[in-house]
Amino acid sequence: MESSSMLLFILLWTVGRSEVRDLSGKQFTFPSDPKSVNQPRVALRANTRLITVMTVCLRFFSQLNRMQGLFSLATRDHSNALMLNKDAEGSYKVHAGDDTYVFTKLPTNRMDWNSVCWTWDSRTGLTQLWLNGLRTSQKLVGQNYLVRGDLSIIVGQEQDAYGGGFDRNDSFEGDITDLHMWDRVVSACDLRSYMNQGSFSPGNLLNWNNLNFEVSGNVSIQDADFEEPVCQ
């Protein structure tokens, strides 16, 4: 096989394949993509088929003041099994099963990073947000709802169908880093430590330091500037 043909074969074979990588000190960058031709997004792989309780944390930087999909988990039976969206200024929407709650008037940075954590327990239905070191009161969503089956986890877009149904008006624009997901409600102590860049146990469902992911569209992996850099 000629070298040019071999190179094309390798490129086609590798497109769409996921990789496992330590992303410590890195960030996913979603640039402005007005036409959203490539539907920029990152698919994440979690080694589970059942979620009854969870915590997901991430840090994001964005200056857009519209709805943006931060974290979208779909099953083949439910496109919004678990969902975290940033809506308008200081507004965040969580979705579990058929229930939705919108947290409002939360302090959100538009010129700096935001650290957000979301906890949910299906047995009690209790859910809560932590944002930039502060917490909300607990609300009720998705009590007794079980997330089961094949999971499609996307950041940077909201799924309106399993692994698809993307709307450019919901797309994320900015940077995302330090994403972790646990199969438990993480303690307040550990959540505060995460918010303050302290030590914490990495997620056992999704771990930024050992992340199984697949990038699609105009998404770049860059050095993160969440922590103040030390210039040489």
Protein backbone atom coordinates (compact mmCIF):
# COMPACT_ATOMS: atom_id res chain seq x y z
CA MET A 1 0.00 0.00 0.00
CA GLU A 2 1.39 3.42 -0.95
CA SER A 3 2.42 5.66 1.93
CA SER A 4 -0.25 8.29 1.15
CA SER A 5 -2.97 5.62 1.10
CA MET A 6 -1.66 4.11 4.32
CA LEU A 7 -1.74 7.54 6.02
CA LEU A 8 -5.34 8.11 4.91
CA PHE A 9 -6.30 4.68 6.23
CA ILE A 10 -4.75 5.44 9.63
CA LEU A 11 -6.50 8.81 9.85
CA LEU A 12 -9.88 7.31 9.01
CA TRP A 13 -9.34 4.48 11.48
CA THR A 14 -8.49 6.85 14.34
CA VAL A 15 -11.31 9.38 13.77
CA GLY A 16 -14.01 8.98 16.41
CA ARG A 17 -11.91 6.79 18.69
CA SER A 18 -11.74 7.65 22.37
CA GLU A 19 -8.54 7.97 24.37
CA VAL A 20 -7.65 7.74 28.05
CA ARG A 21 -5.45 10.55 29.27
CA ASP A 22 -4.34 12.45 32.36
CA LEU A 23 -5.65 15.98 31.79
CA SER A 24 -4.13 17.51 34.92
CA GLY A 25 -3.35 21.13 34.17
CA LYS A 26 -5.33 21.01 30.90
CA GLN A 27 -8.65 22.41 29.73
CA PHE A 28 -11.14 21.77 26.94
CA THR A 29 -11.55 24.99 24.96
CA PHE A 30 -14.77 25.53 22.99
CA PRO A 31 -14.24 28.59 20.75
CA SER A 32 -16.97 30.67 19.20
CA ASP A 33 -18.59 28.60 16.44
CA PRO A 34 -21.60 30.62 15.23
CA LYS A 35 -22.60 28.10 12.57
CA SER A 36 -21.93 25.07 14.81
CA VAL A 37 -21.22 23.11 11.66
CA ASN A 38 -19.08 20.62 13.56
CA GLN A 39 -21.25 20.54 16.71
CA PRO A 40 -18.23 20.89 19.06
CA ARG A 41 -18.50 18.56 22.03
CA VAL A 42 -16.66 16.06 24.19
CA ALA A 43 -18.06 12.58 24.87
CA LEU A 44 -17.03 10.95 28.16
CA ARG A 45 -17.00 7.26 29.05
CA ALA A 46 -18.03 6.07 32.52
CA ASN A 47 -17.65 2.43 33.46
CA THR A 48 -21.16 1.92 34.82
CA ARG A 49 -24.70 1.18 33.67
CA LEU A 50 -26.52 2.23 36.85
CA ILE A 51 -26.55 5.53 38.76
CA THR A 52 -28.75 6.04 41.80
CA VAL A 53 -26.70 8.71 43.56
CA MET A 54 -24.00 10.99 42.23
CA THR A 55 -21.91 14.13 42.47
CA VAL A 56 -20.44 15.89 39.45
CA CYS A 57 -17.99 18.81 39.68
CA LEU A 58 -16.35 20.95 37.01
CA ARG A 59 -14.85 24.38 36.49
CA PHE A 60 -15.88 26.57 33.57
CA PHE A 61 -15.11 29.97 32.11
CA SER A 62 -17.62 31.60 29.77
CA GLN A 63 -18.79 35.11 28.99
CA LEU A 64 -22.00 34.10 27.24
CA ASN A 65 -25.21 35.15 28.94
CA ARG A 66 -27.53 32.50 27.52
CA MET A 67 -28.41 28.88 28.11
CA GLN A 68 -25.40 26.56 27.78
CA GLY A 69 -25.11 22.82 28.24
CA LEU A 70 -22.48 22.05 30.88
CA PHE A 71 -23.13 18.35 31.55
CA SER A 72 -25.58 16.11 29.70
CA LEU A 73 -26.13 12.42 30.50
CA ALA A 74 -28.61 10.52 28.36
CA THR A 75 -29.79 6.91 28.21
CA ARG A 76 -31.51 5.23 25.29
CA ASP A 77 -34.80 5.67 27.18
CA HIS A 78 -34.29 9.26 28.38
CA SER A 79 -32.44 12.10 26.66
CA ASN A 80 -32.32 14.16 29.87
CA ALA A 81 -31.58 11.48 32.44
CA LEU A 82 -29.16 13.81 34.27
CA MET A 83 -28.49 17.33 33.05
CA LEU A 84 -26.81 20.49 34.33
CA ASN A 85 -27.26 23.69 32.32
CA LYS A 86 -26.25 27.25 32.93
CA ASP A 87 -29.17 29.43 31.90
CA ALA A 88 -29.22 33.21 32.08
CA GLU A 89 -27.15 35.25 34.51
CA GLY A 90 -26.89 33.40 37.84
CA SER A 91 -29.40 30.73 36.81
CA TYR A 92 -28.68 26.98 36.71
CA LYS A 93 -31.04 24.18 35.68
CA VAL A 94 -30.74 20.60 36.94
CA HIS A 95 -32.73 17.73 35.49
CA ALA A 96 -33.15 14.19 36.83
CA GLY A 97 -35.59 11.90 35.08
CA ASP A 98 -38.78 13.86 34.46
CA ASP A 99 -38.11 16.50 37.12
CA THR A 100 -36.43 19.89 36.72
CA TYR A 101 -35.39 22.56 39.17
CA VAL A 102 -33.92 25.98 38.37
CA PHE A 103 -31.60 27.61 40.90
CA THR A 104 -31.60 31.38 40.51
CA LYS A 105 -29.65 34.43 41.70
CA LEU A 106 -26.39 32.50 42.14
CA PRO A 107 -23.10 34.47 42.06
CA THR A 108 -21.49 33.70 38.69
CA ASN A 109 -18.22 35.11 37.36
CA ARG A 110 -18.19 36.32 33.75
CA MET A 111 -14.55 37.43 33.82
CA ASP A 112 -13.14 34.53 35.82
CA TRP A 113 -13.52 30.81 36.43
CA ASN A 114 -16.54 29.26 38.14
CA SER A 115 -16.39 26.05 40.18
CA VAL A 116 -19.70 24.19 40.29
CA CYS A 117 -20.71 20.90 41.92
CA TRP A 118 -24.08 19.15 41.71
CA THR A 119 -25.24 16.41 44.08
CA TRP A 120 -28.28 14.13 43.67
CA ASP A 121 -29.64 11.13 45.55
CA SER A 122 -32.51 9.22 43.92
CA ARG A 123 -33.63 7.58 47.16
CA THR A 124 -34.47 10.88 48.85
CA GLY A 125 -34.69 13.03 45.73
CA LEU A 126 -32.50 15.63 47.43
CA THR A 127 -30.37 17.75 45.12
CA GLN A 128 -28.03 20.67 45.74
CA LEU A 129 -25.62 22.98 43.93
CA TRP A 130 -22.32 24.35 45.14
CA LEU A 131 -20.95 27.37 43.29
CA ASN A 132 -17.69 29.19 43.97
CA GLY A 133 -17.53 28.01 47.57
CA LEU A 134 -21.19 28.68 48.40
CA ARG A 135 -24.05 26.20 48.53
CA THR A 136 -27.76 26.32 47.82
CA SER A 137 -30.48 24.86 50.00
CA GLN A 138 -31.55 21.34 49.02
CA LYS A 139 -34.45 20.73 46.63
CA LEU A 140 -36.38 17.68 45.43
CA VAL A 141 -35.96 16.23 41.91
CA GLY A 142 -36.11 12.73 40.48
CA GLN A 143 -37.01 10.86 43.67
CA ASN A 144 -36.78 7.07 43.10
CA TYR A 145 -35.62 7.62 39.51
CA LEU A 146 -32.87 5.21 38.40
CA VAL A 147 -30.39 5.99 35.64
CA ARG A 148 -29.74 2.65 33.97
CA GLY A 149 -28.53 1.22 30.67
CA ASP A 150 -26.02 2.51 28.15
CA LEU A 151 -24.90 6.01 29.09
CA SER A 152 -24.08 8.86 26.72
CA ILE A 153 -22.25 11.65 28.56
CA ILE A 154 -21.57 14.91 26.73
CA VAL A 155 -20.02 18.21 27.80
CA GLY A 156 -20.34 21.30 25.64
CA GLN A 157 -23.78 20.42 24.25
CA GLU A 158 -27.20 19.37 25.50
CA GLN A 159 -28.53 16.08 24.12
CA ASP A 160 -32.07 16.03 22.83
CA ALA A 161 -31.56 12.43 21.77
CA TYR A 162 -29.16 9.68 22.82
CA GLY A 163 -25.75 10.90 21.62
CA GLY A 164 -27.25 13.61 19.40
CA GLY A 165 -30.08 16.06 18.82
CA PHE A 166 -27.78 19.02 19.41
CA ASP A 167 -28.95 22.63 19.14
CA ARG A 168 -26.34 25.33 18.46
CA ASN A 169 -28.33 27.67 20.73
CA ASP A 170 -27.50 25.35 23.65
CA SER A 171 -23.80 24.94 22.82
CA PHE A 172 -21.13 25.90 25.31
CA GLU A 173 -18.54 28.56 24.51
CA GLY A 174 -15.52 28.89 26.78
CA ASP A 175 -13.29 26.55 28.78
CA ILE A 176 -13.93 23.51 30.99
CA THR A 177 -11.47 21.82 33.35
CA ASP A 178 -11.21 19.59 36.44
CA LEU A 179 -14.32 17.50 35.74
CA HIS A 180 -15.00 14.65 38.16
CA MET A 181 -18.00 12.43 38.87
CA TRP A 182 -18.63 10.14 41.86
CA ASP A 183 -21.23 7.46 42.60
CA ARG A 184 -22.01 9.07 45.96
CA VAL A 185 -22.88 12.42 47.50
CA VAL A 186 -19.47 13.89 48.24
CA SER A 187 -19.08 15.35 51.71
CA ALA A 188 -19.33 19.08 52.30
CA CYS A 189 -15.73 19.06 53.49
CA ASP A 190 -14.46 17.55 50.23
CA LEU A 191 -16.64 19.85 48.14
CA ARG A 192 -15.25 22.89 49.90
CA SER A 193 -11.76 21.52 49.34
CA TYR A 194 -12.49 21.09 45.63
CA MET A 195 -13.79 24.67 45.46
CA ASN A 196 -10.66 25.98 47.17
CA GLN A 197 -8.19 23.92 45.09
CA GLY A 198 -7.40 21.69 48.06
CA SER A 199 -6.93 17.93 48.10
CA PHE A 200 -9.87 15.59 47.41
CA SER A 201 -10.45 12.03 46.22
CA PRO A 202 -10.83 12.01 42.40
CA GLY A 203 -14.11 10.87 40.89
CA ASN A 204 -14.59 7.12 40.53
CA LEU A 205 -17.01 7.42 37.59
CA LEU A 206 -15.21 10.25 35.77
CA ASN A 207 -11.70 11.29 36.74
CA TRP A 208 -10.00 14.28 35.08
CA ASN A 209 -6.63 12.71 35.91
CA ASN A 210 -7.55 9.51 34.05
CA LEU A 211 -10.28 10.53 31.63
CA ASN A 212 -11.75 8.39 28.85
CA PHE A 213 -12.98 10.88 26.27
CA GLU A 214 -13.57 11.62 22.60
CA VAL A 215 -13.37 15.14 21.12
CA SER A 216 -15.61 16.12 18.20
CA GLY A 217 -15.69 19.38 16.26
CA ASN A 218 -13.76 22.53 17.07
CA VAL A 219 -12.58 21.67 20.58
CA SER A 220 -8.96 22.15 21.66
CA ILE A 221 -7.00 20.78 24.60
CA GLN A 222 -4.88 23.57 26.07
CA ASP A 223 -2.91 24.37 29.20
CA ALA A 224 -5.40 25.47 31.86
CA ASP A 225 -5.03 28.90 33.43
CA PHE A 226 -7.37 28.22 36.34
CA GLU A 227 -4.43 28.23 38.72
CA GLU A 228 -2.26 31.33 38.47
CA PRO A 229 0.66 30.34 36.24
CA VAL A 230 4.29 30.64 37.31
CA CYS A 231 6.04 32.38 34.44
CA GLN A 232 9.60 31.33 33.63
